[in-house]
Amino acid sequence: MKISVKLIPNWRDVLRWAWSVRLFALSVLCDVLGIVFAVRGSFSSVEGASLWLQIVGALFGAAGFIARFMYQRDLSPEARHE
């Protein structure tokens, strides 16, 4: 079974301006920093930072998921017909 991936025509604009992409990027950043602090925390006194970064990262991920399905001005196909 061959799977074909086809990008939307304005994928560059979506990558640059969509809130969902920004929120997912913040989620990944928080997760990576959480991992770094967790490893570093086992050798230092930074205990709660890792947990809070992972919680915030999960919230950014959830917000990105919601934003992906919401209308985004100038990026949604409906915006071009107004």
Protein backbone atom coordinates (compact mmCIF):
# COMPACT_ATOMS: atom_id res chain seq x y z
CA MET A 1 0.00 0.00 0.00
CA LYS A 2 1.55 3.28 -1.14
CA ILE A 3 0.83 6.36 0.95
CA SER A 4 1.02 9.68 -0.82
CA VAL A 5 1.57 12.85 1.18
CA LYS A 6 0.47 16.05 -0.51
CA LEU A 7 1.10 19.43 1.08
CA ILE A 8 -1.50 22.18 1.02
CA PRO A 9 -0.78 25.01 -1.44
CA ASN A 10 0.05 27.57 1.28
CA TRP A 11 2.13 25.28 3.51
CA ARG A 12 4.89 27.87 3.91
CA ASP A 13 2.41 30.42 5.26
CA VAL A 14 0.92 27.86 7.62
CA LEU A 15 4.36 26.85 8.88
CA ARG A 16 5.27 30.48 9.49
CA TRP A 17 2.03 31.95 10.89
CA ALA A 18 -0.26 29.21 12.27
CA TRP A 19 -0.74 29.24 16.04
CA SER A 20 -0.90 25.46 16.10
CA VAL A 21 2.67 25.21 14.77
CA ARG A 22 3.92 27.77 17.30
CA LEU A 23 2.21 25.97 20.18
CA PHE A 24 3.57 22.58 19.10
CA ALA A 25 7.08 24.09 18.90
CA LEU A 26 6.72 25.49 22.44
CA SER A 27 5.51 22.07 23.59
CA VAL A 28 8.60 20.37 22.19
CA LEU A 29 10.87 23.04 23.70
CA CYS A 30 9.29 22.57 27.16
CA ASP A 31 9.59 18.79 26.88
CA VAL A 32 13.27 18.97 25.93
CA LEU A 33 14.04 21.43 28.72
CA GLY A 34 12.10 19.22 31.15
CA ILE A 35 14.26 16.25 30.20
CA VAL A 36 17.45 18.30 30.56
CA PHE A 37 16.37 19.57 33.99
CA ALA A 38 15.31 16.07 35.07
CA VAL A 39 18.75 14.69 34.25
CA ARG A 40 20.47 17.72 35.71
CA GLY A 41 18.14 17.68 38.73
CA SER A 42 19.45 14.32 39.82
CA PHE A 43 22.82 16.02 40.34
CA SER A 44 21.64 19.44 41.58
CA SER A 45 18.87 21.13 43.52
CA VAL A 46 16.51 21.86 40.56
CA GLU A 47 13.64 19.54 41.45
CA GLY A 48 10.31 21.12 40.49
CA ALA A 49 11.40 22.81 37.26
CA SER A 50 11.32 19.58 35.26
CA LEU A 51 7.79 18.70 36.37
CA TRP A 52 6.45 22.18 35.66
CA LEU A 53 8.08 22.32 32.21
CA GLN A 54 6.54 18.96 31.33
CA ILE A 55 3.10 20.13 32.52
CA VAL A 56 3.39 23.38 30.57
CA GLY A 57 4.62 21.43 27.53
CA ALA A 58 1.57 19.17 27.70
CA LEU A 59 -0.70 22.24 27.93
CA PHE A 60 0.99 23.80 24.88
CA GLY A 61 0.53 20.51 23.02
CA ALA A 62 -3.18 20.40 23.88
CA ALA A 63 -3.60 24.05 22.88
CA GLY A 64 -1.82 23.37 19.58
CA PHE A 65 -4.13 20.45 18.90
CA ILE A 66 -7.17 22.67 19.50
CA ALA A 67 -5.71 25.55 17.46
CA ARG A 68 -5.07 23.22 14.53
CA PHE A 69 -8.79 22.72 14.08
CA MET A 70 -9.83 26.35 14.59
CA TYR A 71 -10.29 29.02 11.95
CA GLN A 72 -7.09 31.00 11.49
CA ARG A 73 -7.41 34.28 9.61
CA ASP A 74 -5.52 34.40 6.29
CA LEU A 75 -4.53 30.73 6.57
CA SER A 76 -7.86 28.96 6.34
CA PRO A 77 -9.30 28.35 2.87
CA GLU A 78 -12.49 30.16 3.94
CA ALA A 79 -10.51 33.36 4.55
CA ARG A 80 -9.54 33.64 0.89
CA HIS A 81 -13.17 33.86 -0.22
CA GLU A 82 -14.05 36.84 1.98
